[in-house]
Amino acid sequence: GIDLGLNNLATLVSNQPDINHKLINGKPLKSINQYFNKKKAKLMSFIGDKGTSHSIGRLSKKRHQKIEALPA
């Protein structure tokens, strides 16, 4: 079975003896998202109703690159 969570992104278990259990750590992803949301909120407070800016675009790109670089 698969159990989804936050700190442990996914836990894979089986009752079959030949299948290994797997625990996928979600803390790095959680940390990246927390940092992104904090920085984006700060930038949004400066630009108001305008919606977006080049700074937010760069921040989003960096977030995406960090997530892609996480080990599988």
N, C-alpha and C. Protein backbone atom coordinates (compact mmCIF):
# COMPACT_ATOMS: atom_id res chain seq x y z
N GLY A 1 0.82 -1.17 0.00
CA GLY A 1 0.00 0.00 0.00
C GLY A 1 0.87 1.25 0.00
N ILE A 2 0.26 2.35 -0.30
CA ILE A 2 0.95 3.64 -0.33
C ILE A 2 0.24 4.58 0.64
N ASP A 3 1.03 5.23 1.50
CA ASP A 3 0.51 6.22 2.44
C ASP A 3 1.18 7.55 2.12
N LEU A 4 0.38 8.57 1.79
CA LEU A 4 0.91 9.89 1.47
C LEU A 4 0.86 10.78 2.70
N GLY A 5 1.89 11.61 2.86
CA GLY A 5 1.95 12.52 4.00
C GLY A 5 2.80 13.72 3.68
N LEU A 6 3.17 14.50 4.70
CA LEU A 6 3.99 15.69 4.50
C LEU A 6 5.45 15.44 4.83
N ASN A 7 5.75 15.07 6.06
CA ASN A 7 7.13 14.81 6.43
C ASN A 7 7.66 13.56 5.75
N ASN A 8 6.84 12.54 5.67
CA ASN A 8 7.14 11.36 4.86
C ASN A 8 6.22 11.44 3.65
N LEU A 9 6.76 11.94 2.54
CA LEU A 9 5.95 12.20 1.36
C LEU A 9 5.16 10.97 0.94
N ALA A 10 5.83 9.83 0.94
CA ALA A 10 5.15 8.58 0.61
C ALA A 10 5.83 7.43 1.35
N THR A 11 5.02 6.51 1.81
CA THR A 11 5.51 5.29 2.44
C THR A 11 4.92 4.13 1.65
N LEU A 12 5.81 3.31 1.10
CA LEU A 12 5.37 2.18 0.30
C LEU A 12 5.64 0.89 1.07
N VAL A 13 4.60 0.12 1.27
CA VAL A 13 4.75 -1.14 1.99
C VAL A 13 4.01 -2.24 1.23
N SER A 14 4.45 -3.47 1.45
CA SER A 14 3.83 -4.62 0.82
C SER A 14 3.89 -5.80 1.78
N ASN A 15 2.94 -6.70 1.65
CA ASN A 15 2.98 -7.91 2.46
C ASN A 15 3.72 -9.03 1.73
N GLN A 16 4.27 -8.72 0.56
CA GLN A 16 5.06 -9.69 -0.20
C GLN A 16 6.50 -9.66 0.30
N PRO A 17 7.10 -10.79 0.65
CA PRO A 17 8.46 -10.80 1.22
C PRO A 17 9.54 -10.36 0.24
N ASP A 18 9.32 -10.47 -1.07
CA ASP A 18 10.35 -10.12 -2.04
C ASP A 18 10.31 -8.65 -2.46
N ILE A 19 9.39 -7.87 -1.92
CA ILE A 19 9.28 -6.45 -2.25
C ILE A 19 9.76 -5.62 -1.06
N ASN A 20 10.73 -4.73 -1.33
CA ASN A 20 11.29 -3.88 -0.27
C ASN A 20 10.35 -2.73 0.05
N HIS A 21 10.34 -2.34 1.31
CA HIS A 21 9.57 -1.18 1.73
C HIS A 21 10.35 0.07 1.37
N LYS A 22 9.66 1.18 1.13
CA LYS A 22 10.32 2.42 0.72
C LYS A 22 9.68 3.58 1.47
N LEU A 23 10.53 4.47 1.99
CA LEU A 23 10.09 5.66 2.68
C LEU A 23 10.69 6.86 1.95
N ILE A 24 9.86 7.77 1.47
CA ILE A 24 10.32 8.93 0.72
C ILE A 24 10.17 10.16 1.61
N ASN A 25 11.31 10.80 1.90
CA ASN A 25 11.36 11.95 2.80
C ASN A 25 10.73 13.18 2.12
N GLY A 26 9.75 13.80 2.75
CA GLY A 26 9.10 14.98 2.20
C GLY A 26 9.59 16.28 2.80
N LYS A 27 10.48 16.21 3.79
CA LYS A 27 10.94 17.44 4.46
C LYS A 27 11.67 18.41 3.54
N PRO A 28 12.56 17.94 2.63
CA PRO A 28 13.21 18.90 1.73
C PRO A 28 12.22 19.65 0.84
N LEU A 29 11.23 18.96 0.31
CA LEU A 29 10.22 19.59 -0.52
C LEU A 29 9.39 20.58 0.29
N LYS A 30 9.05 20.18 1.50
CA LYS A 30 8.29 21.04 2.40
C LYS A 30 9.07 22.32 2.70
N SER A 31 10.37 22.20 2.92
CA SER A 31 11.23 23.33 3.21
C SER A 31 11.33 24.29 2.02
N ILE A 32 11.49 23.73 0.81
CA ILE A 32 11.57 24.56 -0.40
C ILE A 32 10.28 25.34 -0.57
N ASN A 33 9.15 24.69 -0.40
CA ASN A 33 7.85 25.36 -0.56
C ASN A 33 7.63 26.43 0.50
N GLN A 34 8.05 26.15 1.73
CA GLN A 34 7.89 27.12 2.80
C GLN A 34 8.69 28.39 2.51
N TYR A 35 9.94 28.22 2.06
CA TYR A 35 10.79 29.36 1.71
C TYR A 35 10.18 30.15 0.55
N PHE A 36 9.72 29.43 -0.48
CA PHE A 36 9.11 30.07 -1.64
C PHE A 36 7.88 30.90 -1.23
N ASN A 37 7.01 30.31 -0.44
CA ASN A 37 5.78 31.01 -0.04
C ASN A 37 6.09 32.26 0.79
N LYS A 38 7.10 32.17 1.65
CA LYS A 38 7.49 33.31 2.48
C LYS A 38 8.02 34.45 1.60
N LYS A 39 8.92 34.12 0.68
CA LYS A 39 9.51 35.14 -0.20
C LYS A 39 8.46 35.72 -1.16
N LYS A 40 7.58 34.87 -1.67
CA LYS A 40 6.54 35.34 -2.59
C LYS A 40 5.58 36.29 -1.88
N ALA A 41 5.21 35.98 -0.64
CA ALA A 41 4.32 36.86 0.12
C ALA A 41 4.97 38.23 0.32
N LYS A 42 6.26 38.23 0.59
CA LYS A 42 6.98 39.50 0.78
C LYS A 42 6.97 40.31 -0.51
N LEU A 43 7.26 39.66 -1.64
CA LEU A 43 7.25 40.35 -2.93
C LEU A 43 5.85 40.83 -3.29
N MET A 44 4.85 40.02 -3.01
CA MET A 44 3.46 40.41 -3.32
C MET A 44 3.03 41.64 -2.52
N SER A 45 3.58 41.80 -1.33
CA SER A 45 3.22 42.96 -0.52
C SER A 45 3.73 44.26 -1.17
N PHE A 46 4.79 44.14 -1.96
CA PHE A 46 5.33 45.32 -2.64
C PHE A 46 4.56 45.65 -3.92
N ILE A 47 4.12 44.64 -4.65
CA ILE A 47 3.51 44.90 -5.95
C ILE A 47 2.00 45.03 -5.89
N GLY A 48 1.38 44.62 -4.81
CA GLY A 48 -0.06 44.80 -4.62
C GLY A 48 -0.90 44.04 -5.62
N ASP A 49 -1.86 44.74 -6.25
CA ASP A 49 -2.83 44.12 -7.15
C ASP A 49 -2.28 43.84 -8.55
N LYS A 50 -1.07 44.26 -8.81
CA LYS A 50 -0.48 44.07 -10.14
C LYS A 50 -0.45 42.58 -10.52
N GLY A 51 -0.27 41.71 -9.57
CA GLY A 51 -0.37 40.27 -9.82
C GLY A 51 0.95 39.53 -9.84
N THR A 52 1.91 39.99 -10.63
CA THR A 52 3.18 39.27 -10.71
C THR A 52 4.30 40.25 -11.06
N SER A 53 5.51 39.76 -11.04
CA SER A 53 6.66 40.59 -11.38
C SER A 53 7.78 39.69 -11.88
N HIS A 54 8.84 40.29 -12.39
CA HIS A 54 9.99 39.51 -12.82
C HIS A 54 10.63 38.80 -11.64
N SER A 55 10.61 39.44 -10.48
CA SER A 55 11.21 38.83 -9.28
C SER A 55 10.47 37.56 -8.88
N ILE A 56 9.15 37.59 -8.97
CA ILE A 56 8.36 36.40 -8.63
C ILE A 56 8.60 35.31 -9.68
N GLY A 57 8.74 35.70 -10.93
CA GLY A 57 9.04 34.74 -11.98
C GLY A 57 10.37 34.05 -11.74
N ARG A 58 11.40 34.83 -11.36
CA ARG A 58 12.71 34.26 -11.07
C ARG A 58 12.64 33.34 -9.86
N LEU A 59 11.89 33.77 -8.84
CA LEU A 59 11.73 32.97 -7.63
C LEU A 59 11.06 31.63 -7.97
N SER A 60 10.03 31.67 -8.81
CA SER A 60 9.33 30.44 -9.22
C SER A 60 10.26 29.52 -10.01
N LYS A 61 11.09 30.11 -10.87
CA LYS A 61 12.03 29.31 -11.65
C LYS A 61 13.04 28.62 -10.74
N LYS A 62 13.57 29.35 -9.76
CA LYS A 62 14.53 28.77 -8.82
C LYS A 62 13.88 27.64 -8.01
N ARG A 63 12.64 27.86 -7.59
CA ARG A 63 11.92 26.82 -6.84
C ARG A 63 11.79 25.57 -7.68
N HIS A 64 11.40 25.73 -8.94
CA HIS A 64 11.24 24.59 -9.84
C HIS A 64 12.57 23.85 -10.00
N GLN A 65 13.66 24.58 -10.17
CA GLN A 65 14.98 23.96 -10.34
C GLN A 65 15.38 23.18 -9.09
N LYS A 66 15.10 23.73 -7.91
CA LYS A 66 15.44 23.04 -6.67
C LYS A 66 14.63 21.75 -6.51
N ILE A 67 13.37 21.80 -6.88
CA ILE A 67 12.52 20.61 -6.78
C ILE A 67 12.99 19.55 -7.76
N GLU A 68 13.35 19.95 -8.97
CA GLU A 68 13.84 19.00 -9.97
C GLU A 68 15.15 18.36 -9.54
N ALA A 69 15.96 19.09 -8.75
CA ALA A 69 17.27 18.59 -8.33
C ALA A 69 17.19 17.64 -7.12
N LEU A 70 16.02 17.54 -6.50
CA LEU A 70 15.87 16.64 -5.35
C LEU A 70 16.09 15.20 -5.79
N PRO A 71 16.73 14.41 -4.94
CA PRO A 71 16.93 12.99 -5.30
C PRO A 71 15.59 12.26 -5.36
N ALA A 72 15.51 11.34 -6.28
CA ALA A 72 14.24 10.60 -6.47
C ALA A 72 14.03 9.56 -5.40
